[in-house]
């Protein structure tokens, strides 16, 4: 099988049937499968996805017991793919299925492990665009990725990299971080980006903050090193202000020094606690996801 199209579904009852139909129309000359993952939707997504899976013989349907998050849903889908290439596409038609072929052709011509779709004009809300910009700045620094590479959710990953990504069993997957831990043979291609066909973006300030913390604490030692620097800095300042009155008439505010040093200590404890907490949850085998329904058609 050439392609596995992974579609995480969250409140996509209105669009998912049309999306699946469009994928079949665009990829009719290729051998492919579709993996639908319902991420704890509260609408009729599960019911409709089951109906779609009954209609087509090349669809695997997976339904999670609750809303685990986009990356967990994608990891669930990747663990069930069979294709030489896996395509990740959202359920809202912002990425037209016709653009899948661009990703595939770019990967084959350039022999890339991963190909990201790049947008000439993004149709996301300004808040989402700001969040994407912030994440892009962080990942450029942490993963040494090209500055001009935008880590879009619309991407192609070859089978070997998918297998390496799926070795991660912790509860905090970040797909792009896992990719750059495995390979730097990454390409890009400009693709169309449309307005959402229906509904609003599911990205909230809470989810953006969670993603930010997951990247920083799950895939980097930067906070620990920053904490160490702040510790040295606070020690130096406290020492300097302590000995300064011995040589000048300056009277330093002792309370301010204590407050500053105490603040640094609390920040450092919080940083260490974040790492310890994530380690504890990982070692406790907290699941990435739990399956409620798994439907694999016999034709596969």
C-alpha atoms as a PDB file:
ATOM      1  CA  UNK A   1       0.000   0.000   0.000  1.00  0.00           C
ATOM      2  CA  UNK A   2       1.346   3.414  -0.976  1.00  0.00           C
ATOM      3  CA  UNK A   3      -0.556   5.888   1.186  1.00  0.00           C
ATOM      4  CA  UNK A   4      -2.167   5.990   4.610  1.00  0.00           C
ATOM      5  CA  UNK A   5      -4.312   9.084   5.143  1.00  0.00           C
ATOM      6  CA  UNK A   6      -4.596   9.801   8.873  1.00  0.00           C
ATOM      7  CA  UNK A   7      -7.530  12.035   9.824  1.00  0.00           C
ATOM      8  CA  UNK A   8      -8.037  13.023  13.482  1.00  0.00           C
ATOM      9  CA  UNK A   9     -11.704  13.902  13.937  1.00  0.00           C
ATOM     10  CA  UNK A  10     -12.987  16.251  16.605  1.00  0.00           C
ATOM     11  CA  UNK A  11     -16.490  17.660  16.238  1.00  0.00           C
ATOM     12  CA  UNK A  12     -16.252  16.972  12.523  1.00  0.00           C
ATOM     13  CA  UNK A  13     -19.694  15.471  11.990  1.00  0.00           C
ATOM     14  CA  UNK A  14     -20.609  18.068   9.348  1.00  0.00           C
ATOM     15  CA  UNK A  15     -17.470  17.748   7.214  1.00  0.00           C
ATOM     16  CA  UNK A  16     -15.998  14.278   7.618  1.00  0.00           C
ATOM     17  CA  UNK A  17     -18.198  12.422   5.103  1.00  0.00           C
ATOM     18  CA  UNK A  18     -17.487  14.983   2.372  1.00  0.00           C
ATOM     19  CA  UNK A  19     -13.780  14.918   3.220  1.00  0.00           C
ATOM     20  CA  UNK A  20     -13.572  11.131   2.913  1.00  0.00           C
ATOM     21  CA  UNK A  21     -15.444  11.272  -0.397  1.00  0.00           C
ATOM     22  CA  UNK A  22     -13.051  13.942  -1.675  1.00  0.00           C
ATOM     23  CA  UNK A  23     -10.008  11.905  -0.628  1.00  0.00           C
ATOM     24  CA  UNK A  24     -11.340   8.949  -2.610  1.00  0.00           C
ATOM     25  CA  UNK A  25     -11.915  11.134  -5.657  1.00  0.00           C
ATOM     26  CA  UNK A  26      -8.419  12.653  -5.564  1.00  0.00           C
ATOM     27  CA  UNK A  27      -6.514   9.425  -4.822  1.00  0.00           C
ATOM     28  CA  UNK A  28      -8.533   7.037  -7.002  1.00  0.00           C
ATOM     29  CA  UNK A  29      -5.451   6.116  -9.049  1.00  0.00           C
ATOM     30  CA  UNK A  30      -3.358   5.285  -5.966  1.00  0.00           C
ATOM     31  CA  UNK A  31      -3.431   2.424  -3.495  1.00  0.00           C
ATOM     32  CA  UNK A  32      -4.389   3.969  -0.173  1.00  0.00           C
ATOM     33  CA  UNK A  33      -6.196   3.556   3.122  1.00  0.00           C
ATOM     34  CA  UNK A  34      -7.874   6.057   5.434  1.00  0.00           C
ATOM     35  CA  UNK A  35      -7.514   6.009   9.206  1.00  0.00           C
ATOM     36  CA  UNK A  36     -10.266   7.941  11.009  1.00  0.00           C
ATOM     37  CA  UNK A  37      -9.692   8.682  14.702  1.00  0.00           C
ATOM     38  CA  UNK A  38     -12.563  10.153  16.683  1.00  0.00           C
ATOM     39  CA  UNK A  39     -10.948  12.101  19.537  1.00  0.00           C
ATOM     40  CA  UNK A  40     -13.783  12.001  22.058  1.00  0.00           C
ATOM     41  CA  UNK A  41     -16.135  14.212  20.031  1.00  0.00           C
ATOM     42  CA  UNK A  42     -19.385  15.249  21.718  1.00  0.00           C
ATOM     43  CA  UNK A  43     -21.314  15.545  18.452  1.00  0.00           C
ATOM     44  CA  UNK A  44     -22.309  12.739  16.048  1.00  0.00           C
ATOM     45  CA  UNK A  45     -18.762  12.234  14.709  1.00  0.00           C
ATOM     46  CA  UNK A  46     -18.492   8.687  16.069  1.00  0.00           C
ATOM     47  CA  UNK A  47     -21.814   7.594  14.570  1.00  0.00           C
ATOM     48  CA  UNK A  48     -21.044   9.131  11.175  1.00  0.00           C
ATOM     49  CA  UNK A  49     -17.497   7.706  11.067  1.00  0.00           C
ATOM     50  CA  UNK A  50     -18.917   4.240  11.776  1.00  0.00           C
ATOM     51  CA  UNK A  51     -21.316   4.659   8.875  1.00  0.00           C
ATOM     52  CA  UNK A  52     -18.460   5.754   6.607  1.00  0.00           C
ATOM     53  CA  UNK A  53     -16.374   2.758   7.672  1.00  0.00           C
ATOM     54  CA  UNK A  54     -19.299   0.503   6.691  1.00  0.00           C
ATOM     55  CA  UNK A  55     -19.485   2.186   3.293  1.00  0.00           C
ATOM     56  CA  UNK A  56     -15.802   1.931   2.286  1.00  0.00           C
ATOM     57  CA  UNK A  57     -13.566  -1.123   2.484  1.00  0.00           C
ATOM     58  CA  UNK A  58     -10.295   0.787   2.837  1.00  0.00           C
ATOM     59  CA  UNK A  59     -11.154   2.603   6.076  1.00  0.00           C
ATOM     60  CA  UNK A  60     -10.044   1.853   9.614  1.00  0.00           C
ATOM     61  CA  UNK A  61     -12.079   3.612  12.290  1.00  0.00           C
ATOM     62  CA  UNK A  62     -10.736   4.198  15.788  1.00  0.00           C
ATOM     63  CA  UNK A  63     -12.687   5.968  18.519  1.00  0.00           C
ATOM     64  CA  UNK A  64     -11.002   7.161  21.725  1.00  0.00           C
ATOM     65  CA  UNK A  65     -12.764   7.007  25.077  1.00  0.00           C
ATOM     66  CA  UNK A  66     -12.262  10.721  25.727  1.00  0.00           C
ATOM     67  CA  UNK A  67     -10.680  13.806  24.194  1.00  0.00           C
ATOM     68  CA  UNK A  68      -6.952  13.108  24.538  1.00  0.00           C
ATOM     69  CA  UNK A  69      -5.764  15.818  22.142  1.00  0.00           C
ATOM     70  CA  UNK A  70      -4.703  16.115  18.508  1.00  0.00           C
ATOM     71  CA  UNK A  71      -1.208  14.666  18.864  1.00  0.00           C
ATOM     72  CA  UNK A  72      -2.434  11.652  20.831  1.00  0.00           C
ATOM     73  CA  UNK A  73      -5.118  11.020  18.220  1.00  0.00           C
ATOM     74  CA  UNK A  74      -2.536  11.257  15.422  1.00  0.00           C
ATOM     75  CA  UNK A  75      -0.220   8.862  17.289  1.00  0.00           C
ATOM     76  CA  UNK A  76      -3.113   6.427  17.560  1.00  0.00           C
ATOM     77  CA  UNK A  77      -3.645   6.673  13.815  1.00  0.00           C
ATOM     78  CA  UNK A  78       0.050   6.299  12.968  1.00  0.00           C
ATOM     79  CA  UNK A  79       0.201   3.123  15.046  1.00  0.00           C
ATOM     80  CA  UNK A  80      -2.376   1.588  12.705  1.00  0.00           C
ATOM     81  CA  UNK A  81      -0.995   2.656   9.311  1.00  0.00           C
ATOM     82  CA  UNK A  82       0.261   0.242   6.649  1.00  0.00           C
ATOM     83  CA  UNK A  83       1.293   2.593   3.830  1.00  0.00           C
ATOM     84  CA  UNK A  84       4.763   3.488   2.585  1.00  0.00           C
ATOM     85  CA  UNK A  85       3.811   7.100   3.322  1.00  0.00           C
ATOM     86  CA  UNK A  86       1.447   8.479   5.936  1.00  0.00           C
ATOM     87  CA  UNK A  87      -0.395  11.752   5.303  1.00  0.00           C
ATOM     88  CA  UNK A  88      -1.807  13.722   8.237  1.00  0.00           C
ATOM     89  CA  UNK A  89      -4.719  15.971   7.300  1.00  0.00           C
ATOM     90  CA  UNK A  90      -7.285  17.860   9.396  1.00  0.00           C
ATOM     91  CA  UNK A  91     -11.015  17.162   9.196  1.00  0.00           C
ATOM     92  CA  UNK A  92     -12.111  20.731   8.343  1.00  0.00           C
ATOM     93  CA  UNK A  93     -11.160  21.031   4.627  1.00  0.00           C
ATOM     94  CA  UNK A  94      -8.610  23.788   5.272  1.00  0.00           C
ATOM     95  CA  UNK A  95      -6.194  21.454   3.493  1.00  0.00           C
ATOM     96  CA  UNK A  96      -7.833  20.324   0.212  1.00  0.00           C
ATOM     97  CA  UNK A  97      -7.287  16.575  -0.382  1.00  0.00           C
ATOM     98  CA  UNK A  98      -6.005  17.413  -3.873  1.00  0.00           C
ATOM     99  CA  UNK A  99      -2.869  18.828  -2.223  1.00  0.00           C
ATOM    100  CA  UNK A 100      -1.948  15.374  -0.880  1.00  0.00           C
ATOM    101  CA  UNK A 101      -0.501  14.538  -4.293  1.00  0.00           C
ATOM    102  CA  UNK A 102       1.879  17.521  -4.055  1.00  0.00           C
ATOM    103  CA  UNK A 103       3.294  16.186  -0.794  1.00  0.00           C
ATOM    104  CA  UNK A 104       3.712  12.705  -2.274  1.00  0.00           C
ATOM    105  CA  UNK A 105       5.413  13.877  -5.467  1.00  0.00           C
ATOM    106  CA  UNK A 106       7.765  16.151  -3.511  1.00  0.00           C
ATOM    107  CA  UNK A 107       8.758  13.282  -1.215  1.00  0.00           C
ATOM    108  CA  UNK A 108       9.393  10.909  -4.115  1.00  0.00           C
ATOM    109  CA  UNK A 109      11.343  13.389  -6.245  1.00  0.00           C
ATOM    110  CA  UNK A 110      13.497  14.682  -3.377  1.00  0.00           C
ATOM    111  CA  UNK A 111      13.706  11.373  -1.507  1.00  0.00           C
ATOM    112  CA  UNK A 112      12.596  13.181   1.662  1.00  0.00           C
ATOM    113  CA  UNK A 113      11.668  11.402   4.883  1.00  0.00           C
ATOM    114  CA  UNK A 114       9.113  14.095   5.732  1.00  0.00           C
ATOM    115  CA  UNK A 115       7.406  16.812   3.676  1.00  0.00           C
ATOM    116  CA  UNK A 116       5.521  19.724   5.227  1.00  0.00           C
ATOM    117  CA  UNK A 117       2.805  21.699   3.488  1.00  0.00           C
ATOM    118  CA  UNK A 118       3.582  25.431   3.444  1.00  0.00           C
ATOM    119  CA  UNK A 119       0.904  28.098   3.095  1.00  0.00           C
ATOM    120  CA  UNK A 120       1.182  31.224   0.961  1.00  0.00           C
ATOM    121  CA  UNK A 121      -1.718  32.682   2.934  1.00  0.00           C
ATOM    122  CA  UNK A 122      -2.962  31.144   6.151  1.00  0.00           C
ATOM    123  CA  UNK A 123      -6.702  31.226   6.790  1.00  0.00           C
ATOM    124  CA  UNK A 124      -6.412  30.667  10.519  1.00  0.00           C
ATOM    125  CA  UNK A 125      -7.679  33.112  13.134  1.00  0.00           C
ATOM    126  CA  UNK A 126      -5.136  35.729  14.270  1.00  0.00           C
ATOM    127  CA  UNK A 127      -4.850  34.070  17.685  1.00  0.00           C
ATOM    128  CA  UNK A 128      -4.011  30.748  16.022  1.00  0.00           C
ATOM    129  CA  UNK A 129      -1.495  32.479  13.748  1.00  0.00           C
ATOM    130  CA  UNK A 130       0.218  34.053  16.759  1.00  0.00           C
ATOM    131  CA  UNK A 131       0.395  30.685  18.484  1.00  0.00           C
ATOM    132  CA  UNK A 132       1.873  29.103  15.357  1.00  0.00           C
ATOM    133  CA  UNK A 133       4.463  31.884  15.106  1.00  0.00           C
ATOM    134  CA  UNK A 134       5.455  31.416  18.755  1.00  0.00           C
ATOM    135  CA  UNK A 135       5.773  27.648  18.412  1.00  0.00           C
ATOM    136  CA  UNK A 136       7.794  28.134  15.214  1.00  0.00           C
ATOM    137  CA  UNK A 137      10.282  30.390  17.028  1.00  0.00           C
ATOM    138  CA  UNK A 138      10.677  27.893  19.859  1.00  0.00           C
ATOM    139  CA  UNK A 139      11.090  24.850  17.622  1.00  0.00           C
ATOM    140  CA  UNK A 140      13.619  26.626  15.403  1.00  0.00           C
ATOM    141  CA  UNK A 141      15.813  27.082  18.456  1.00  0.00           C
ATOM    142  CA  UNK A 142      15.218  23.705  20.105  1.00  0.00           C
ATOM    143  CA  UNK A 143      15.246  21.387  17.087  1.00  0.00           C
ATOM    144  CA  UNK A 144      17.637  23.284  14.801  1.00  0.00           C
ATOM    145  CA  UNK A 145      15.051  23.196  12.053  1.00  0.00           C
ATOM    146  CA  UNK A 146      15.311  25.572   9.063  1.00  0.00           C
ATOM    147  CA  UNK A 147      14.094  29.058   9.949  1.00  0.00           C
ATOM    148  CA  UNK A 148      11.866  29.218   6.872  1.00  0.00           C
ATOM    149  CA  UNK A 149      10.183  25.864   7.544  1.00  0.00           C
ATOM    150  CA  UNK A 150       6.683  26.147   9.000  1.00  0.00           C
ATOM    151  CA  UNK A 151       5.682  23.061  10.986  1.00  0.00           C
ATOM    152  CA  UNK A 152       2.168  22.673   9.642  1.00  0.00           C
ATOM    153  CA  UNK A 153      -0.174  19.888  10.710  1.00  0.00           C
ATOM    154  CA  UNK A 154      -0.528  18.925   7.017  1.00  0.00           C
ATOM    155  CA  UNK A 155       2.452  16.692   6.334  1.00  0.00           C
ATOM    156  CA  UNK A 156       3.729  13.443   4.846  1.00  0.00           C
ATOM    157  CA  UNK A 157       5.946  11.008   6.771  1.00  0.00           C
ATOM    158  CA  UNK A 158       7.571   7.924   5.273  1.00  0.00           C
ATOM    159  CA  UNK A 159       7.117   4.479   6.804  1.00  0.00           C
ATOM    160  CA  UNK A 160      10.558   4.223   8.425  1.00  0.00           C
ATOM    161  CA  UNK A 161      10.137   7.503  10.316  1.00  0.00           C
ATOM    162  CA  UNK A 162       6.588   6.559  11.326  1.00  0.00           C
ATOM    163  CA  UNK A 163       7.938   3.344  12.847  1.00  0.00           C
ATOM    164  CA  UNK A 164      10.526   5.299  14.838  1.00  0.00           C
ATOM    165  CA  UNK A 165       7.943   7.844  16.007  1.00  0.00           C
ATOM    166  CA  UNK A 166       5.641   5.064  17.192  1.00  0.00           C
ATOM    167  CA  UNK A 167       8.340   3.753  19.523  1.00  0.00           C
ATOM    168  CA  UNK A 168       7.498   6.692  21.789  1.00  0.00           C
ATOM    169  CA  UNK A 169       4.910   5.444  24.291  1.00  0.00           C
ATOM    170  CA  UNK A 170       4.871   8.375  26.721  1.00  0.00           C
ATOM    171  CA  UNK A 171       1.714  10.410  27.421  1.00  0.00           C
ATOM    172  CA  UNK A 172       3.061  13.672  25.926  1.00  0.00           C
ATOM    173  CA  UNK A 173       3.722  13.155  22.206  1.00  0.00           C
ATOM    174  CA  UNK A 174       4.673  16.127  20.059  1.00  0.00           C
ATOM    175  CA  UNK A 175       4.780  14.837  16.493  1.00  0.00           C
ATOM    176  CA  UNK A 176       7.165  17.454  15.078  1.00  0.00           C
ATOM    177  CA  UNK A 177       9.553  17.061  18.018  1.00  0.00           C
ATOM    178  CA  UNK A 178       9.604  13.299  17.488  1.00  0.00           C
ATOM    179  CA  UNK A 179      10.224  13.816  13.771  1.00  0.00           C
ATOM    180  CA  UNK A 180      13.266  16.024  14.331  1.00  0.00           C
ATOM    181  CA  UNK A 181      14.594  13.573  16.911  1.00  0.00           C
ATOM    182  CA  UNK A 182      14.652  11.005  14.115  1.00  0.00           C
ATOM    183  CA  UNK A 183      15.590  12.859  10.911  1.00  0.00           C
ATOM    184  CA  UNK A 184      16.578  16.182   9.395  1.00  0.00           C
ATOM    185  CA  UNK A 185      15.886  15.020   5.825  1.00  0.00           C
ATOM    186  CA  UNK A 186      12.824  17.241   5.604  1.00  0.00           C
ATOM    187  CA  UNK A 187      11.280  18.938   2.585  1.00  0.00           C
ATOM    188  CA  UNK A 188       8.469  21.390   1.991  1.00  0.00           C
ATOM    189  CA  UNK A 189       6.026  22.343  -0.729  1.00  0.00           C
ATOM    190  CA  UNK A 190       3.577  25.227  -1.079  1.00  0.00           C
ATOM    191  CA  UNK A 191      -0.036  24.117  -0.773  1.00  0.00           C
ATOM    192  CA  UNK A 192      -3.433  25.782  -0.747  1.00  0.00           C
ATOM    193  CA  UNK A 193      -5.005  26.713   2.588  1.00  0.00           C
ATOM    194  CA  UNK A 194      -8.743  27.370   2.751  1.00  0.00           C
ATOM    195  CA  UNK A 195     -11.152  28.793   5.282  1.00  0.00           C
ATOM    196  CA  UNK A 196     -12.766  26.270   7.603  1.00  0.00           C
ATOM    197  CA  UNK A 197     -15.771  24.677   5.956  1.00  0.00           C
ATOM    198  CA  UNK A 198     -17.757  24.918   9.197  1.00  0.00           C
ATOM    199  CA  UNK A 199     -17.369  25.688  12.892  1.00  0.00           C
ATOM    200  CA  UNK A 200     -14.553  27.418  14.733  1.00  0.00           C
ATOM    201  CA  UNK A 201     -10.984  26.427  15.506  1.00  0.00           C
ATOM    202  CA  UNK A 202     -10.602  24.032  18.428  1.00  0.00           C
ATOM    203  CA  UNK A 203      -7.369  25.736  19.502  1.00  0.00           C
ATOM    204  CA  UNK A 204      -7.876  27.706  22.704  1.00  0.00           C
ATOM    205  CA  UNK A 205      -5.467  29.658  24.896  1.00  0.00           C
ATOM    206  CA  UNK A 206      -5.433  26.689  27.270  1.00  0.00           C
ATOM    207  CA  UNK A 207      -4.466  24.256  24.521  1.00  0.00           C
ATOM    208  CA  UNK A 208      -1.816  26.655  23.214  1.00  0.00           C
ATOM    209  CA  UNK A 209      -0.303  26.996  26.695  1.00  0.00           C
ATOM    210  CA  UNK A 210      -0.358  23.214  27.103  1.00  0.00           C
ATOM    211  CA  UNK A 211       1.426  22.762  23.759  1.00  0.00           C
ATOM    212  CA  UNK A 212       4.007  25.395  24.699  1.00  0.00           C
ATOM    213  CA  UNK A 213       4.779  23.677  28.024  1.00  0.00           C
ATOM    214  CA  UNK A 214       4.860  20.251  26.388  1.00  0.00           C
ATOM    215  CA  UNK A 215       7.469  21.378  23.855  1.00  0.00           C
ATOM    216  CA  UNK A 216       9.609  23.179  26.436  1.00  0.00           C
ATOM    217  CA  UNK A 217       9.556  20.538  29.167  1.00  0.00           C
ATOM    218  CA  UNK A 218       9.066  17.404  27.078  1.00  0.00           C
ATOM    219  CA  UNK A 219      11.702  17.960  24.397  1.00  0.00           C
ATOM    220  CA  UNK A 220      14.269  20.324  25.884  1.00  0.00           C
ATOM    221  CA  UNK A 221      16.570  20.954  28.850  1.00  0.00           C
ATOM    222  CA  UNK A 222      16.296  24.693  28.288  1.00  0.00           C
ATOM    223  CA  UNK A 223      14.221  25.396  31.443  1.00  0.00           C
ATOM    224  CA  UNK A 224      16.736  23.575  33.655  1.00  0.00           C
ATOM    225  CA  UNK A 225      19.625  25.489  32.123  1.00  0.00           C
ATOM    226  CA  UNK A 226      17.710  28.747  32.470  1.00  0.00           C
ATOM    227  CA  UNK A 227      17.011  27.905  36.117  1.00  0.00           C
ATOM    228  CA  UNK A 228      20.711  27.255  36.674  1.00  0.00           C
ATOM    229  CA  UNK A 229      21.584  30.602  35.095  1.00  0.00           C
ATOM    230  CA  UNK A 230      19.017  32.405  37.230  1.00  0.00           C
ATOM    231  CA  UNK A 231      20.433  30.709  40.322  1.00  0.00           C
ATOM    232  CA  UNK A 232      23.934  31.925  39.541  1.00  0.00           C
ATOM    233  CA  UNK A 233      22.609  35.393  38.714  1.00  0.00           C
ATOM    234  CA  UNK A 234      20.621  35.720  41.939  1.00  0.00           C
ATOM    235  CA  UNK A 235      23.587  34.493  43.976  1.00  0.00           C
ATOM    236  CA  UNK A 236      25.880  37.031  42.327  1.00  0.00           C
ATOM    237  CA  UNK A 237      23.417  39.908  42.839  1.00  0.00           C
ATOM    238  CA  UNK A 238      22.799  38.984  46.466  1.00  0.00           C
ATOM    239  CA  UNK A 239      26.547  38.704  47.119  1.00  0.00           C
ATOM    240  CA  UNK A 240      27.259  41.977  45.347  1.00  0.00           C
ATOM    241  CA  UNK A 241      24.594  43.862  47.306  1.00  0.00           C
ATOM    242  CA  UNK A 242      25.829  42.319  50.531  1.00  0.00           C
ATOM    243  CA  UNK A 243      29.441  43.473  50.188  1.00  0.00           C
ATOM    244  CA  UNK A 244      28.662  46.781  48.470  1.00  0.00           C
ATOM    245  CA  UNK A 245      27.953  48.685  51.739  1.00  0.00           C
ATOM    246  CA  UNK A 246      31.452  47.758  52.983  1.00  0.00           C
ATOM    247  CA  UNK A 247      32.971  50.055  50.359  1.00  0.00           C
ATOM    248  CA  UNK A 248      30.235  52.651  49.817  1.00  0.00           C
ATOM    249  CA  UNK A 249      27.472  54.452  51.679  1.00  0.00           C
ATOM    250  CA  UNK A 250      24.865  52.445  49.782  1.00  0.00           C
ATOM    251  CA  UNK A 251      22.281  50.769  52.012  1.00  0.00           C
ATOM    252  CA  UNK A 252      20.735  47.873  50.165  1.00  0.00           C
ATOM    253  CA  UNK A 253      17.140  46.830  50.827  1.00  0.00           C
ATOM    254  CA  UNK A 254      17.487  43.426  52.485  1.00  0.00           C
ATOM    255  CA  UNK A 255      13.829  42.585  51.933  1.00  0.00           C
ATOM    256  CA  UNK A 256      14.157  43.114  48.188  1.00  0.00           C
ATOM    257  CA  UNK A 257      17.132  40.764  48.031  1.00  0.00           C
ATOM    258  CA  UNK A 258      15.292  38.086  49.985  1.00  0.00           C
ATOM    259  CA  UNK A 259      12.232  38.479  47.751  1.00  0.00           C
ATOM    260  CA  UNK A 260      14.318  38.219  44.576  1.00  0.00           C
ATOM    261  CA  UNK A 261      16.267  35.161  45.709  1.00  0.00           C
ATOM    262  CA  UNK A 262      13.112  33.514  47.029  1.00  0.00           C
ATOM    263  CA  UNK A 263      11.360  34.103  43.718  1.00  0.00           C
ATOM    264  CA  UNK A 264      14.209  32.484  41.809  1.00  0.00           C
ATOM    265  CA  UNK A 265      14.079  29.501  44.151  1.00  0.00           C
ATOM    266  CA  UNK A 266      10.340  29.048  43.667  1.00  0.00           C
ATOM    267  CA  UNK A 267      10.696  29.267  39.895  1.00  0.00           C
ATOM    268  CA  UNK A 268      13.482  26.688  39.990  1.00  0.00           C
ATOM    269  CA  UNK A 269      11.429  24.358  42.177  1.00  0.00           C
ATOM    270  CA  UNK A 270       8.498  24.726  39.776  1.00  0.00           C
ATOM    271  CA  UNK A 271      10.703  23.865  36.789  1.00  0.00           C
ATOM    272  CA  UNK A 272      12.123  20.799  38.505  1.00  0.00           C
ATOM    273  CA  UNK A 273       8.618  19.820  39.595  1.00  0.00           C
ATOM    274  CA  UNK A 274       7.375  19.993  36.004  1.00  0.00           C
ATOM    275  CA  UNK A 275      10.092  17.588  34.872  1.00  0.00           C
ATOM    276  CA  UNK A 276       9.548  15.272  37.836  1.00  0.00           C
ATOM    277  CA  UNK A 277       5.786  15.267  37.244  1.00  0.00           C
ATOM    278  CA  UNK A 278       6.132  14.380  33.576  1.00  0.00           C
ATOM    279  CA  UNK A 279       8.671  11.678  34.433  1.00  0.00           C
ATOM    280  CA  UNK A 280       6.329  10.255  37.089  1.00  0.00           C
ATOM    281  CA  UNK A 281       3.370  10.108  34.693  1.00  0.00           C
ATOM    282  CA  UNK A 282       5.537   8.498  32.015  1.00  0.00           C
ATOM    283  CA  UNK A 283       6.965   5.907  34.394  1.00  0.00           C
ATOM    284  CA  UNK A 284       3.457   5.219  35.718  1.00  0.00           C
ATOM    285  CA  UNK A 285       2.503   4.145  32.184  1.00  0.00           C
ATOM    286  CA  UNK A 286      -0.102   6.859  31.766  1.00  0.00           C
ATOM    287  CA  UNK A 287      -1.594   5.973  28.349  1.00  0.00           C
ATOM    288  CA  UNK A 288      -1.356   8.208  25.305  1.00  0.00           C
ATOM    289  CA  UNK A 289      -4.914   7.180  24.516  1.00  0.00           C
ATOM    290  CA  UNK A 290      -7.426   4.421  25.205  1.00  0.00           C
ATOM    291  CA  UNK A 291      -9.540   2.878  22.477  1.00  0.00           C
ATOM    292  CA  UNK A 292     -13.306   2.592  22.719  1.00  0.00           C
ATOM    293  CA  UNK A 293     -13.952   1.307  19.184  1.00  0.00           C
ATOM    294  CA  UNK A 294     -11.604  -0.277  16.674  1.00  0.00           C
ATOM    295  CA  UNK A 295     -13.054  -1.215  13.312  1.00  0.00           C
ATOM    296  CA  UNK A 296     -10.723  -2.633  10.670  1.00  0.00           C
ATOM    297  CA  UNK A 297     -12.341  -3.771   7.454  1.00  0.00           C
ATOM    298  CA  UNK A 298     -11.493  -7.297   6.303  1.00  0.00           C
ATOM    299  CA  UNK A 299     -10.426  -6.018   2.870  1.00  0.00           C
ATOM    300  CA  UNK A 300      -7.323  -4.546   4.451  1.00  0.00           C
END
